[in-house]
Structures are given as C-alpha cells and as structure tokens.
Amino acid sequence: MSIKKAIELVGIYYGKALTLEYVHKKVAWALYQVWKIADKEKENETN
C-alpha cells in the first residue's frame, strides 16, 4: 500500500468514526482500520 493510499483511507475511516458513538478515539480507530488492511496486503517491496 502506498502512503498516499493509506492517507486517503485514514480520511475515509476518520469520517466513518465521526458517525460512530462508541468510538472515543477517532484518529486511533481510523489508523487501526487502515493498519489492518495494510497488514493483510503482501508487499513486494523490501524495507
């Protein structure tokens, strides 16, 4: 996943978090959602 795509997804999930009353830490929740997606992807790049 590119950083550009990750940032885009964080914005989308943050917007979703704003609508969820049970989510108290909106940014953390959005980052976690994107992390789960990125973690599942197989990256071909070597760090």
PDB file of N, CA and C in Angstrom:
ATOM      1  N   MET A   1       0.849  -1.171   0.000  1.00  0.00           N
ATOM      2  CA  MET A   1       0.000   0.000   0.000  1.00  0.00           C
ATOM      3  C   MET A   1       0.896   1.236   0.000  1.00  0.00           C
ATOM      4  N   SER A   2       0.555   2.168  -0.810  1.00  0.00           N
ATOM      5  CA  SER A   2       1.324   3.412  -0.851  1.00  0.00           C
ATOM      6  C   SER A   2       0.898   4.328   0.296  1.00  0.00           C
ATOM      7  N   ILE A   3       1.768   5.251   0.650  1.00  0.00           N
ATOM      8  CA  ILE A   3       1.443   6.205   1.709  1.00  0.00           C
ATOM      9  C   ILE A   3       0.259   7.077   1.289  1.00  0.00           C
ATOM     10  N   LYS A   4       0.187   7.384   0.016  1.00  0.00           N
ATOM     11  CA  LYS A   4      -0.924   8.186  -0.497  1.00  0.00           C
ATOM     12  C   LYS A   4      -2.252   7.459  -0.279  1.00  0.00           C
ATOM     13  N   LYS A   5      -2.289   6.186  -0.578  1.00  0.00           N
ATOM     14  CA  LYS A   5      -3.499   5.391  -0.394  1.00  0.00           C
ATOM     15  C   LYS A   5      -3.830   5.269   1.093  1.00  0.00           C
ATOM     16  N   ALA A   6      -2.820   5.082   1.932  1.00  0.00           N
ATOM     17  CA  ALA A   6      -3.039   4.964   3.374  1.00  0.00           C
ATOM     18  C   ALA A   6      -3.644   6.242   3.940  1.00  0.00           C
ATOM     19  N   ILE A   7      -3.128   7.376   3.520  1.00  0.00           N
ATOM     20  CA  ILE A   7      -3.648   8.665   3.997  1.00  0.00           C
ATOM     21  C   ILE A   7      -5.092   8.851   3.547  1.00  0.00           C
ATOM     22  N   GLU A   8      -5.372   8.472   2.312  1.00  0.00           N
ATOM     23  CA  GLU A   8      -6.737   8.560   1.791  1.00  0.00           C
ATOM     24  C   GLU A   8      -7.681   7.697   2.628  1.00  0.00           C
ATOM     25  N   LEU A   9      -7.259   6.484   2.934  1.00  0.00           N
ATOM     26  CA  LEU A   9      -8.091   5.580   3.719  1.00  0.00           C
ATOM     27  C   LEU A   9      -8.279   6.079   5.145  1.00  0.00           C
ATOM     28  N   VAL A  10      -7.245   6.660   5.735  1.00  0.00           N
ATOM     29  CA  VAL A  10      -7.385   7.212   7.089  1.00  0.00           C
ATOM     30  C   VAL A  10      -8.473   8.283   7.077  1.00  0.00           C
ATOM     31  N   GLY A  11      -8.477   9.123   6.064  1.00  0.00           N
ATOM     32  CA  GLY A  11      -9.515  10.148   5.960  1.00  0.00           C
ATOM     33  C   GLY A  11     -10.904   9.551   5.863  1.00  0.00           C
ATOM     34  N   ILE A  12     -11.036   8.509   5.082  1.00  0.00           N
ATOM     35  CA  ILE A  12     -12.337   7.845   4.923  1.00  0.00           C
ATOM     36  C   ILE A  12     -12.786   7.227   6.245  1.00  0.00           C
ATOM     37  N   TYR A  13     -11.877   6.502   6.895  1.00  0.00           N
ATOM     38  CA  TYR A  13     -12.234   5.855   8.157  1.00  0.00           C
ATOM     39  C   TYR A  13     -12.445   6.868   9.279  1.00  0.00           C
ATOM     40  N   TYR A  14     -11.749   7.973   9.247  1.00  0.00           N
ATOM     41  CA  TYR A  14     -11.971   9.016  10.242  1.00  0.00           C
ATOM     42  C   TYR A  14     -13.389   9.581  10.094  1.00  0.00           C
ATOM     43  N   GLY A  15     -13.791   9.809   8.859  1.00  0.00           N
ATOM     44  CA  GLY A  15     -15.155  10.270   8.613  1.00  0.00           C
ATOM     45  C   GLY A  15     -16.183   9.282   9.140  1.00  0.00           C
ATOM     46  N   LYS A  16     -15.915   8.008   8.958  1.00  0.00           N
ATOM     47  CA  LYS A  16     -16.808   6.969   9.489  1.00  0.00           C
ATOM     48  C   LYS A  16     -16.813   7.007  11.010  1.00  0.00           C
ATOM     49  N   ALA A  17     -15.628   7.169  11.612  1.00  0.00           N
ATOM     50  CA  ALA A  17     -15.513   7.191  13.075  1.00  0.00           C
ATOM     51  C   ALA A  17     -16.340   8.328  13.679  1.00  0.00           C
ATOM     52  N   LEU A  18     -16.433   9.434  12.977  1.00  0.00           N
ATOM     53  CA  LEU A  18     -17.204  10.569  13.472  1.00  0.00           C
ATOM     54  C   LEU A  18     -18.677  10.235  13.636  1.00  0.00           C
ATOM     55  N   THR A  19     -19.146   9.236  12.906  1.00  0.00           N
ATOM     56  CA  THR A  19     -20.551   8.836  12.981  1.00  0.00           C
ATOM     57  C   THR A  19     -20.803   7.738  13.999  1.00  0.00           C
ATOM     58  N   LEU A  20     -19.737   7.182  14.565  1.00  0.00           N
ATOM     59  CA  LEU A  20     -19.872   6.058  15.489  1.00  0.00           C
ATOM     60  C   LEU A  20     -19.729   6.543  16.929  1.00  0.00           C
ATOM     61  N   GLU A  21     -20.814   6.493  17.657  1.00  0.00           N
ATOM     62  CA  GLU A  21     -20.833   6.998  19.026  1.00  0.00           C
ATOM     63  C   GLU A  21     -19.900   6.220  19.951  1.00  0.00           C
ATOM     64  N   TYR A  22     -19.740   4.922  19.696  1.00  0.00           N
ATOM     65  CA  TYR A  22     -18.932   4.084  20.582  1.00  0.00           C
ATOM     66  C   TYR A  22     -17.421   4.269  20.392  1.00  0.00           C
ATOM     67  N   VAL A  23     -17.025   4.966  19.331  1.00  0.00           N
ATOM     68  CA  VAL A  23     -15.597   5.211  19.093  1.00  0.00           C
ATOM     69  C   VAL A  23     -15.227   6.526  19.770  1.00  0.00           C
ATOM     70  N   HIS A  24     -14.367   6.440  20.765  1.00  0.00           N
ATOM     71  CA  HIS A  24     -13.970   7.630  21.517  1.00  0.00           C
ATOM     72  C   HIS A  24     -12.682   8.243  20.981  1.00  0.00           C
ATOM     73  N   LYS A  25     -11.775   7.413  20.484  1.00  0.00           N
ATOM     74  CA  LYS A  25     -10.508   7.896  19.924  1.00  0.00           C
ATOM     75  C   LYS A  25     -10.580   7.726  18.408  1.00  0.00           C
ATOM     76  N   LYS A  26     -11.133   8.756  17.781  1.00  0.00           N
ATOM     77  CA  LYS A  26     -11.452   8.694  16.351  1.00  0.00           C
ATOM     78  C   LYS A  26     -10.223   8.453  15.474  1.00  0.00           C
ATOM     79  N   VAL A  27      -9.146   9.197  15.716  1.00  0.00           N
ATOM     80  CA  VAL A  27      -7.934   9.070  14.895  1.00  0.00           C
ATOM     81  C   VAL A  27      -7.323   7.689  15.088  1.00  0.00           C
ATOM     82  N   ALA A  28      -7.234   7.252  16.335  1.00  0.00           N
ATOM     83  CA  ALA A  28      -6.649   5.939  16.614  1.00  0.00           C
ATOM     84  C   ALA A  28      -7.451   4.835  15.941  1.00  0.00           C
ATOM     85  N   TRP A  29      -8.762   4.940  15.979  1.00  0.00           N
ATOM     86  CA  TRP A  29      -9.621   3.936  15.357  1.00  0.00           C
ATOM     87  C   TRP A  29      -9.410   3.904  13.843  1.00  0.00           C
ATOM     88  N   ALA A  30      -9.341   5.084  13.233  1.00  0.00           N
ATOM     89  CA  ALA A  30      -9.129   5.172  11.785  1.00  0.00           C
ATOM     90  C   ALA A  30      -7.779   4.580  11.401  1.00  0.00           C
ATOM     91  N   LEU A  31      -6.748   4.914  12.157  1.00  0.00           N
ATOM     92  CA  LEU A  31      -5.418   4.360  11.884  1.00  0.00           C
ATOM     93  C   LEU A  31      -5.412   2.845  12.027  1.00  0.00           C
ATOM     94  N   TYR A  32      -6.086   2.330  13.033  1.00  0.00           N
ATOM     95  CA  TYR A  32      -6.149   0.888  13.255  1.00  0.00           C
ATOM     96  C   TYR A  32      -6.843   0.180  12.091  1.00  0.00           C
ATOM     97  N   GLN A  33      -7.919   0.763  11.589  1.00  0.00           N
ATOM     98  CA  GLN A  33      -8.627   0.160  10.464  1.00  0.00           C
ATOM     99  C   GLN A  33      -7.718   0.067   9.235  1.00  0.00           C
ATOM    100  N   VAL A  34      -6.967   1.129   8.982  1.00  0.00           N
ATOM    101  CA  VAL A  34      -6.054   1.137   7.831  1.00  0.00           C
ATOM    102  C   VAL A  34      -4.899   0.177   8.071  1.00  0.00           C
ATOM    103  N   TRP A  35      -4.407   0.107   9.302  1.00  0.00           N
ATOM    104  CA  TRP A  35      -3.328  -0.821   9.618  1.00  0.00           C
ATOM    105  C   TRP A  35      -3.751  -2.257   9.327  1.00  0.00           C
ATOM    106  N   LYS A  36      -4.981  -2.619   9.687  1.00  0.00           N
ATOM    107  CA  LYS A  36      -5.460  -3.978   9.433  1.00  0.00           C
ATOM    108  C   LYS A  36      -5.444  -4.292   7.940  1.00  0.00           C
ATOM    109  N   ILE A  37      -5.848  -3.335   7.134  1.00  0.00           N
ATOM    110  CA  ILE A  37      -5.861  -3.533   5.679  1.00  0.00           C
ATOM    111  C   ILE A  37      -4.428  -3.670   5.161  1.00  0.00           C
ATOM    112  N   ALA A  38      -3.566  -2.751   5.574  1.00  0.00           N
ATOM    113  CA  ALA A  38      -2.181  -2.756   5.100  1.00  0.00           C
ATOM    114  C   ALA A  38      -1.455  -4.015   5.548  1.00  0.00           C
ATOM    115  N   ASP A  39      -1.745  -4.482   6.739  1.00  0.00           N
ATOM    116  CA  ASP A  39      -1.086  -5.660   7.276  1.00  0.00           C
ATOM    117  C   ASP A  39      -1.442  -6.917   6.489  1.00  0.00           C
ATOM    118  N   LYS A  40      -2.636  -6.939   5.942  1.00  0.00           N
ATOM    119  CA  LYS A  40      -3.082  -8.112   5.171  1.00  0.00           C
ATOM    120  C   LYS A  40      -2.478  -8.148   3.767  1.00  0.00           C
ATOM    121  N   GLU A  41      -2.118  -6.999   3.268  1.00  0.00           N
ATOM    122  CA  GLU A  41      -1.561  -6.935   1.912  1.00  0.00           C
ATOM    123  C   GLU A  41      -0.151  -7.505   1.886  1.00  0.00           C
ATOM    124  N   LYS A  42       0.146  -8.201   0.829  1.00  0.00           N
ATOM    125  CA  LYS A  42       1.510  -8.707   0.660  1.00  0.00           C
ATOM    126  C   LYS A  42       2.307  -7.654  -0.082  1.00  0.00           C
ATOM    127  N   GLU A  43       3.306  -7.129   0.600  1.00  0.00           N
ATOM    128  CA  GLU A  43       4.136  -6.109  -0.022  1.00  0.00           C
ATOM    129  C   GLU A  43       5.322  -6.756  -0.720  1.00  0.00           C
ATOM    130  N   ASN A  44       5.552  -6.329  -1.929  1.00  0.00           N
ATOM    131  CA  ASN A  44       6.661  -6.861  -2.711  1.00  0.00           C
ATOM    132  C   ASN A  44       7.946  -6.077  -2.485  1.00  0.00           C
ATOM    133  N   GLU A  45       7.822  -4.941  -1.799  1.00  0.00           N
ATOM    134  CA  GLU A  45       8.983  -4.085  -1.572  1.00  0.00           C
ATOM    135  C   GLU A  45       9.754  -4.562  -0.358  1.00  0.00           C
ATOM    136  N   THR A  46      11.056  -4.368  -0.397  1.00  0.00           N
ATOM    137  CA  THR A  46      11.908  -4.675   0.747  1.00  0.00           C
ATOM    138  C   THR A  46      12.197  -3.377   1.477  1.00  0.00           C
ATOM    139  N   ASN A  47      12.043  -3.400   2.798  1.00  0.00           N
ATOM    140  CA  ASN A  47      12.272  -2.187   3.587  1.00  0.00           C
ATOM    141  C   ASN A  47      13.716  -1.938   3.756  1.00  0.00           C
TER     142      ASN A  47
END
